C-alpha atoms as a PDB file:
ATOM      1  CA  MET A   1      20.612  24.891   7.196  1.00  0.00           C
ATOM      2  CA  ALA A   2      24.355  23.802   8.086  1.00  0.00           C
ATOM      3  CA  GLN A   3      25.103  20.600   5.975  1.00  0.00           C
ATOM      4  CA  ARG A   4      25.531  17.493   9.137  1.00  0.00           C
ATOM      5  CA  HIS A   5      28.271  15.783   9.071  1.00  0.00           C
ATOM      6  CA  ASP A   6      27.427  12.928   9.232  1.00  0.00           C
ATOM      7  CA  CYS A   7      24.881  10.107   8.288  1.00  0.00           C
ATOM      8  CA  PRO A   8      20.911  11.228  10.067  1.00  0.00           C
ATOM      9  CA  ILE A   9      20.548   7.246   9.973  1.00  0.00           C
ATOM     10  CA  CYS A  10      23.616   5.514  11.183  1.00  0.00           C
ATOM     11  CA  GLY A  11      25.067   9.006  12.605  1.00  0.00           C
ATOM     12  CA  LYS A  12      28.499   7.333  12.412  1.00  0.00           C
ATOM     13  CA  ARG A  13      29.411   7.731   8.529  1.00  0.00           C
ATOM     14  CA  LYS A  14      30.003  10.567   6.116  1.00  0.00           C
ATOM     15  CA  PRO A  15      26.593  11.524   4.287  1.00  0.00           C
ATOM     16  CA  GLU A  16      27.536  11.194   0.459  1.00  0.00           C
ATOM     17  CA  ARG A  17      23.734  10.192  -1.469  1.00  0.00           C
ATOM     18  CA  PHE A  18      20.617  12.674  -1.224  1.00  0.00           C
ATOM     19  CA  CYS A  19      17.814  10.410  -0.123  1.00  0.00           C
ATOM     20  CA  PRO A  20      14.431  12.007  -1.448  1.00  0.00           C
ATOM     21  CA  ALA A  21      12.722   9.509   1.007  1.00  0.00           C
ATOM     22  CA  LYS A  22      14.773  11.453   3.624  1.00  0.00           C
ATOM     23  CA  GLY A  23      15.123  14.944   1.833  1.00  0.00           C
ATOM     24  CA  GLU A  24      18.886  14.664   2.869  1.00  0.00           C
ATOM     25  CA  LYS A  25      21.786  13.173   2.407  1.00  0.00           C
ATOM     26  CA  ILE A  26      22.557   9.858   4.159  1.00  0.00           C
ATOM     27  CA  CYS A  27      25.662   7.673   3.649  1.00  0.00           C
ATOM     28  CA  ALA A  28      25.995   4.818   0.793  1.00  0.00           C
ATOM     29  CA  VAL A  29      25.732   1.563   3.070  1.00  0.00           C
ATOM     30  CA  CYS A  30      22.361   2.951   5.075  1.00  0.00           C
ATOM     31  CA  CYS A  31      21.246   3.706   1.289  1.00  0.00           C
ATOM     32  CA  GLY A  32      21.870   0.015   0.688  1.00  0.00           C
ATOM     33  CA  THR A  33      20.683  -1.764   3.730  1.00  0.00           C
ATOM     34  CA  GLU A  34      17.534   0.672   4.193  1.00  0.00           C
ATOM     35  CA  ARG A  35      16.640   1.110   0.839  1.00  0.00           C
ATOM     36  CA  GLU A  36      12.886  -0.563   0.968  1.00  0.00           C
ATOM     37  CA  VAL A  37      13.248  -1.246   4.117  1.00  0.00           C
ATOM     38  CA  THR A  38      12.969   1.406   6.247  1.00  0.00           C
ATOM     39  CA  LEU A  39      13.058   3.758   3.844  1.00  0.00           C
ATOM     40  CA  ASP A  40      10.096   4.316   1.569  1.00  0.00           C
ATOM     41  CA  CYS A  41      11.869   5.150  -1.896  1.00  0.00           C
ATOM     42  CA  PRO A  42      10.375   6.758  -4.392  1.00  0.00           C
ATOM     43  CA  ALA A  43      10.346   5.689  -7.937  1.00  0.00           C
ATOM     44  CA  GLY A  44      11.994   7.937  -9.606  1.00  0.00           C
ATOM     45  CA  CYS A  45      15.321   8.155  -7.437  1.00  0.00           C
ATOM     46  CA  SER A  46      18.627   7.329  -9.103  1.00  0.00           C
ATOM     47  CA  TYR A  47      19.948   5.423  -6.865  1.00  0.00           C
ATOM     48  CA  LEU A  48      16.734   2.394  -6.605  1.00  0.00           C
ATOM     49  CA  ILE A  49      16.676   2.155 -10.325  1.00  0.00           C
ATOM     50  CA  ALA A  50      20.553   1.732 -10.426  1.00  0.00           C
ATOM     51  CA  ALA A  51      19.868  -0.917  -7.529  1.00  0.00           C
ATOM     52  CA  HIS A  52      17.058  -2.442  -9.540  1.00  0.00           C
ATOM     53  CA  ARG A  53      18.556  -2.589 -12.854  1.00  0.00           C
ATOM     54  CA  TYR A  54      21.520  -4.873 -10.959  1.00  0.00           C
ATOM     55  CA  GLU A  55      18.905  -7.042  -8.920  1.00  0.00           C
ATOM     56  CA  GLN A  56      17.159  -7.466 -12.330  1.00  0.00           C
ATOM     57  CA  GLU A  57      20.261  -8.307 -14.545  1.00  0.00           C
ATOM     58  CA  HIS A  58      22.216 -10.349 -11.520  1.00  0.00           C
ATOM     59  CA  ARG A  59      18.174 -12.014 -10.432  1.00  0.00           C
ATOM     60  CA  LYS A  60      18.730 -15.874  -9.445  1.00  0.00           C
ATOM     61  CA  PRO A  61      16.087 -18.324  -9.856  1.00  0.00           C
ATOM     62  CA  LEU A  62      13.659 -18.150  -6.515  1.00  0.00           C
ATOM     63  CA  ALA A  63      13.879 -21.536  -4.599  1.00  0.00           C
ATOM     64  CA  GLU A  64      11.340 -23.840  -4.579  1.00  0.00           C
ATOM     65  CA  ILE A  65      10.184 -23.361  -1.428  1.00  0.00           C
ATOM     66  CA  GLU A  66      10.092 -19.563  -1.872  1.00  0.00           C
ATOM     67  CA  LEU A  67       7.021 -19.560  -4.743  1.00  0.00           C
ATOM     68  CA  PRO A  68       3.601 -19.144  -3.241  1.00  0.00           C
ATOM     69  CA  PHE A  69       1.833 -22.570  -3.680  1.00  0.00           C
ATOM     70  CA  ARG A  70       4.301 -24.636  -4.679  1.00  0.00           C
ATOM     71  CA  ASP A  71       1.997 -27.382  -4.818  1.00  0.00           C
ATOM     72  CA  VAL A  72      -0.107 -26.259  -7.225  1.00  0.00           C
ATOM     73  CA  GLN A  73      -0.640 -27.341 -11.018  1.00  0.00           C
ATOM     74  CA  VAL A  74      -1.602 -23.903 -13.160  1.00  0.00           C
ATOM     75  CA  SER A  75      -3.171 -24.866 -16.433  1.00  0.00           C
ATOM     76  CA  ARG A  76      -1.588 -23.928 -19.496  1.00  0.00           C
ATOM     77  CA  ASP A  77      -4.551 -23.072 -20.976  1.00  0.00           C
ATOM     78  CA  LEU A  78      -5.485 -20.398 -18.139  1.00  0.00           C
ATOM     79  CA  PHE A  79      -3.859 -17.645 -19.818  1.00  0.00           C
ATOM     80  CA  HIS A  80      -5.375 -18.193 -23.057  1.00  0.00           C
ATOM     81  CA  ASN A  81      -9.549 -19.196 -21.704  1.00  0.00           C
ATOM     82  CA  ARG A  82      -9.162 -16.506 -18.702  1.00  0.00           C
ATOM     83  CA  GLN A  83      -7.045 -13.573 -19.824  1.00  0.00           C
ATOM     84  CA  ASP A  84     -10.434 -11.694 -19.376  1.00  0.00           C
ATOM     85  CA  LEU A  85     -10.166 -12.977 -15.373  1.00  0.00           C
ATOM     86  CA  LEU A  86      -6.486 -12.218 -15.821  1.00  0.00           C
ATOM     87  CA  SER A  87      -6.975  -8.801 -17.022  1.00  0.00           C
ATOM     88  CA  GLY A  88     -10.075  -7.578 -15.045  1.00  0.00           C
ATOM     89  CA  LEU A  89      -7.764  -8.841 -11.667  1.00  0.00           C
ATOM     90  CA  SER A  90      -4.589  -7.091 -12.423  1.00  0.00           C
ATOM     91  CA  VAL A  91      -6.617  -3.479 -13.698  1.00  0.00           C
ATOM     92  CA  THR A  92      -7.467  -3.686 -10.373  1.00  0.00           C
ATOM     93  CA  LEU A  93      -4.641  -4.482  -8.775  1.00  0.00           C
ATOM     94  CA  ALA A  94      -3.088  -1.748 -10.568  1.00  0.00           C
ATOM     95  CA  THR A  95      -6.074   0.819  -9.751  1.00  0.00           C
ATOM     96  CA  PHE A  96      -6.462   0.170  -5.794  1.00  0.00           C
ATOM     97  CA  SER A  97      -2.326   0.671  -5.490  1.00  0.00           C
ATOM     98  CA  ARG A  98      -2.403   3.716  -7.644  1.00  0.00           C
ATOM     99  CA  GLN A  99      -5.131   4.633  -4.912  1.00  0.00           C
ATOM    100  CA  TYR A 100      -3.650   3.065  -2.330  1.00  0.00           C
ATOM    101  CA  LYS A 101      -0.067   3.310  -1.925  1.00  0.00           C
ATOM    102  CA  LEU A 102       0.783  -0.366  -1.786  1.00  0.00           C
ATOM    103  CA  THR A 103       3.750  -1.951  -1.645  1.00  0.00           C
ATOM    104  CA  ASP A 104       4.314  -5.391  -3.380  1.00  0.00           C
ATOM    105  CA  ALA A 105       3.949  -6.990  -0.177  1.00  0.00           C
ATOM    106  CA  ASP A 106       0.603  -6.004   0.381  1.00  0.00           C
ATOM    107  CA  VAL A 107      -0.002  -7.595  -3.207  1.00  0.00           C
ATOM    108  CA  LEU A 108       0.788 -10.461  -2.150  1.00  0.00           C
ATOM    109  CA  ALA A 109      -0.693 -11.162   1.016  1.00  0.00           C
ATOM    110  CA  ALA A 110      -3.986 -10.019  -0.191  1.00  0.00           C
ATOM    111  CA  LEU A 111      -3.615 -12.654  -3.634  1.00  0.00           C
ATOM    112  CA  SER A 112      -2.749 -15.476  -1.104  1.00  0.00           C
ATOM    113  CA  SER A 113      -5.301 -14.945   1.353  1.00  0.00           C
ATOM    114  CA  LEU A 114      -7.768 -14.558  -1.219  1.00  0.00           C
ATOM    115  CA  ALA A 115      -6.445 -17.496  -3.058  1.00  0.00           C
ATOM    116  CA  GLU A 116      -6.786 -19.356  -0.071  1.00  0.00           C
ATOM    117  CA  THR A 117     -10.320 -18.500   0.057  1.00  0.00           C
ATOM    118  CA  TYR A 118     -11.068 -20.182  -3.683  1.00  0.00           C
ATOM    119  CA  ARG A 119      -8.996 -23.244  -2.495  1.00  0.00           C
ATOM    120  CA  THR A 120     -11.366 -23.825   0.450  1.00  0.00           C
ATOM    121  CA  LEU A 121     -14.080 -23.245  -2.032  1.00  0.00           C
ATOM    122  CA  ILE A 122     -13.398 -25.898  -5.007  1.00  0.00           C
ATOM    123  CA  SER A 123     -13.496 -28.654  -1.261  1.00  0.00           C
ATOM    124  CA  GLY A 124     -16.960 -27.544  -0.886  1.00  0.00           C
ATOM    125  CA  ILE A 125     -16.471 -25.319   2.331  1.00  0.00           C
ATOM    126  CA  LEU A 126     -16.145 -21.545   2.610  1.00  0.00           C
ATOM    127  CA  TYR A 127     -12.976 -20.376   5.226  1.00  0.00           C
ATOM    128  CA  GLU A 128     -12.234 -16.751   4.561  1.00  0.00           C
ATOM    129  CA  ASN A 129      -9.019 -15.608   6.553  1.00  0.00           C
ATOM    130  CA  PRO A 130      -7.938 -12.447   5.112  1.00  0.00           C
ATOM    131  CA  PRO A 131      -5.028 -10.401   5.992  1.00  0.00           C
ATOM    132  CA  ALA A 132      -4.818  -8.150   9.074  1.00  0.00           C
ATOM    133  CA  ALA A 133      -3.274  -5.324   8.001  1.00  0.00           C
ATOM    134  CA  PRO A 134      -5.500  -2.603   6.730  1.00  0.00           C
ATOM    135  CA  ALA A 135      -3.949  -1.841   3.128  1.00  0.00           C
ATOM    136  CA  PRO A 136      -3.949  -5.474   1.788  1.00  0.00           C
ATOM    137  CA  HIS A 137      -7.210  -6.200   3.907  1.00  0.00           C
ATOM    138  CA  ALA A 138      -8.859  -3.420   1.500  1.00  0.00           C
ATOM    139  CA  LEU A 139      -7.051  -4.991  -1.541  1.00  0.00           C
ATOM    140  CA  TYR A 140      -8.760  -8.490  -0.528  1.00  0.00           C
ATOM    141  CA  ALA A 141     -12.058  -7.706  -0.823  1.00  0.00           C
ATOM    142  CA  ALA A 142     -11.585  -5.478  -3.783  1.00  0.00           C
ATOM    143  CA  LEU A 143     -10.571  -8.788  -5.445  1.00  0.00           C
ATOM    144  CA  GLY A 144     -13.360 -10.579  -4.213  1.00  0.00           C
ATOM    145  CA  GLN A 145     -15.806  -8.118  -5.411  1.00  0.00           C
ATOM    146  CA  PHE A 146     -14.425  -7.825  -8.673  1.00  0.00           C
ATOM    147  CA  VAL A 147     -14.370 -11.652  -9.190  1.00  0.00           C
ATOM    148  CA  GLN A 148     -18.305 -11.563  -7.929  1.00  0.00           C
ATOM    149  CA  ASP A 149     -19.216  -8.776 -10.044  1.00  0.00           C
ATOM    150  CA  PHE A 150     -17.266 -10.496 -12.994  1.00  0.00           C
ATOM    151  CA  LYS A 151     -19.519 -13.910 -12.662  1.00  0.00           C
ATOM    152  CA  LYS A 152     -22.414 -11.848 -12.265  1.00  0.00           C
ATOM    153  CA  GLN A 153     -22.042  -9.899 -16.133  1.00  0.00           C
ATOM    154  CA  GLU A 154     -20.479 -13.059 -17.210  1.00  0.00           C
ATOM    155  CA  THR A 155     -23.830 -14.578 -16.001  1.00  0.00           C
ATOM    156  CA  GLU A 156     -26.157 -11.943 -17.579  1.00  0.00           C
ATOM    157  CA  ARG A 157     -24.015 -12.544 -21.304  1.00  0.00           C
ATOM    158  CA  ALA A 158     -24.724 -15.880 -21.416  1.00  0.00           C
ATOM    159  CA  GLY A 159     -28.595 -15.490 -20.486  1.00  0.00           C
ATOM    160  CA  PHE A 160     -28.650 -12.458 -23.166  1.00  0.00           C
ATOM    161  CA  SER A 161     -27.031 -15.313 -25.552  1.00  0.00           C
ATOM    162  CA  THR A 162     -29.578 -17.930 -25.005  1.00  0.00           C
ATOM    163  CA  LEU A 163     -32.565 -14.998 -25.722  1.00  0.00           C
ATOM    164  CA  SER A 164     -30.626 -13.917 -28.462  1.00  0.00           C
ATOM    165  CA  GLY A 165     -31.107 -17.042 -30.719  1.00  0.00           C
ATOM    166  CA  ALA A 166     -28.655 -19.841 -31.462  1.00  0.00           C
ATOM    167  CA  GLY A 167     -25.261 -19.196 -33.078  1.00  0.00           C
ATOM    168  CA  THR A 168     -24.243 -16.378 -30.289  1.00  0.00           C
ATOM    169  CA  TYR A 169     -21.177 -17.193 -29.008  1.00  0.00           C
ATOM    170  CA  SER A 170     -21.373 -17.929 -24.860  1.00  0.00           C
ATOM    171  CA  PRO A 171     -18.173 -17.827 -22.566  1.00  0.00           C
ATOM    172  CA  PRO A 172     -18.113 -20.532 -20.369  1.00  0.00           C
ATOM    173  CA  SER A 173     -19.111 -20.001 -16.556  1.00  0.00           C
ATOM    174  CA  LEU A 174     -16.396 -19.794 -14.663  1.00  0.00           C
ATOM    175  CA  LYS A 175     -14.942 -21.928 -12.036  1.00  0.00           C
ATOM    176  CA  ASP A 176     -13.732 -21.102  -8.717  1.00  0.00           C
ATOM    177  CA  ALA A 177     -11.217 -23.186  -9.393  1.00  0.00           C
ATOM    178  CA  GLU A 178     -10.321 -20.708 -12.303  1.00  0.00           C
ATOM    179  CA  VAL A 179     -10.540 -18.436 -10.182  1.00  0.00           C
ATOM    180  CA  PHE A 180      -7.847 -19.991  -7.592  1.00  0.00           C
ATOM    181  CA  GLN A 181      -5.355 -20.763 -10.568  1.00  0.00           C
ATOM    182  CA  SER A 182      -5.823 -17.088 -11.579  1.00  0.00           C
ATOM    183  CA  LEU A 183      -5.230 -15.513  -8.452  1.00  0.00           C
ATOM    184  CA  VAL A 184      -2.144 -18.258  -7.644  1.00  0.00           C
ATOM    185  CA  PHE A 185      -0.630 -17.055 -11.439  1.00  0.00           C
ATOM    186  CA  LEU A 186      -0.641 -13.439 -10.163  1.00  0.00           C
ATOM    187  CA  ALA A 187       0.960 -14.404  -6.858  1.00  0.00           C
ATOM    188  CA  ARG A 188       3.755 -16.049  -8.016  1.00  0.00           C
ATOM    189  CA  LEU A 189       4.092 -13.912 -10.632  1.00  0.00           C
ATOM    190  CA  CYS A 190       4.387 -10.981  -7.852  1.00  0.00           C
ATOM    191  CA  ARG A 191       6.808 -12.432  -5.938  1.00  0.00           C
ATOM    192  CA  THR A 192       9.390 -13.474  -9.166  1.00  0.00           C
ATOM    193  CA  ARG A 193       9.312  -9.859  -9.661  1.00  0.00           C
ATOM    194  CA  THR A 194       9.560  -8.072  -6.535  1.00  0.00           C
ATOM    195  CA  ASN A 195      13.004  -8.045  -4.353  1.00  0.00           C
ATOM    196  CA  GLY A 196      11.303  -9.043  -1.333  1.00  0.00           C
ATOM    197  CA  ARG A 197      12.571  -6.284   0.662  1.00  0.00           C
ATOM    198  CA  PRO A 198       8.985  -5.016   2.379  1.00  0.00           C
ATOM    199  CA  ARG A 199       8.287  -1.385   0.918  1.00  0.00           C
ATOM    200  CA  ALA A 200       9.496  -2.230  -2.197  1.00  0.00           C
ATOM    201  CA  ARG A 201       6.673  -1.117  -5.576  1.00  0.00           C
ATOM    202  CA  ILE A 202       8.491  -3.368  -8.199  1.00  0.00           C
ATOM    203  CA  PHE A 203       5.413  -5.404  -9.387  1.00  0.00           C
ATOM    204  CA  VAL A 204       3.099  -2.577  -8.561  1.00  0.00           C
ATOM    205  CA  GLU A 205       4.909  -0.196 -10.480  1.00  0.00           C
ATOM    206  CA  LEU A 206       5.464  -2.663 -13.671  1.00  0.00           C
ATOM    207  CA  LEU A 207       1.357  -3.334 -12.696  1.00  0.00           C
ATOM    208  CA  GLN A 208       0.408   0.349 -13.260  1.00  0.00           C
ATOM    209  CA  GLU A 209       2.571   0.785 -16.424  1.00  0.00           C
ATOM    210  CA  GLN A 210       0.792  -1.775 -18.105  1.00  0.00           C
ATOM    211  CA  PHE A 211      -2.206  -0.769 -17.334  1.00  0.00           C
ATOM    212  CA  PRO A 212      -2.120   2.994 -16.787  1.00  0.00           C
ATOM    213  CA  ALA A 213      -5.081   5.006 -15.525  1.00  0.00           C
ATOM    214  CA  PRO A 214      -7.929   5.462 -18.008  1.00  0.00           C
ATOM    215  CA  GLU A 215      -7.209   9.523 -18.846  1.00  0.00           C
ATOM    216  CA  ALA A 216      -3.872   8.888 -19.683  1.00  0.00           C
ATOM    217  CA  GLN A 217      -4.283   5.842 -22.001  1.00  0.00           C
ATOM    218  CA  PRO A 218      -8.271   5.011 -22.723  1.00  0.00           C
ATOM    219  CA  GLU A 219      -7.153   1.818 -24.133  1.00  0.00           C
ATOM    220  CA  VAL A 220      -6.405  -1.748 -22.583  1.00  0.00           C
ATOM    221  CA  SER A 221      -3.223  -3.360 -22.225  1.00  0.00           C
ATOM    222  CA  ARG A 222      -2.412  -6.806 -21.972  1.00  0.00           C
ATOM    223  CA  ILE A 223      -1.655  -8.811 -19.261  1.00  0.00           C
ATOM    224  CA  ILE A 224       1.940  -9.340 -18.541  1.00  0.00           C
ATOM    225  CA  ALA A 225       3.941 -12.622 -19.478  1.00  0.00           C
ATOM    226  CA  PRO A 226       5.685 -14.753 -17.100  1.00  0.00           C
END
């Protein structure tokens, strides 16, 4: 196949960088502007890795208006008291995103929508408004199911502790407010770790590193500290 003399994206500049997402060379300008926007860049792309490193070194604090649920005060004790819930939610995110190749935007949409659902539960009125897009909608359902299963298992453990006699530790009943704050915490973590590009997977890949597939590493990893 003859080599192209113009960029296949803009059709103007000389193609100088091999783009694994396109399977051919593109120009440096299109690489920079279309990366994680229209191009579904694989994690191993050297230009993507260099760009993420540069962004991390020159990252500016997120503006308050960009912070999810900026009106919510997350308890300082949440991480200590509910690390089991946070870890479980994170494992669910990592597993689901690994299976369905979700983006950070998908994860943020699912976390934010489920957090809003639990905010209404706290007020006493259930109102669900899951994401319309199929991928975040499915993740929303998976996270919701995890929470329900977590509550059920916690109730069963508490019942077993009661039957087994005094002196056996029984974890406190999970409150909807704790679920809400955990979802807010993860939504904020996602937003602060990603670069905001629609196809970015920075937070997703970080989760997958922290919580590898069981066959790769059976040990339970710890939640990512902010």
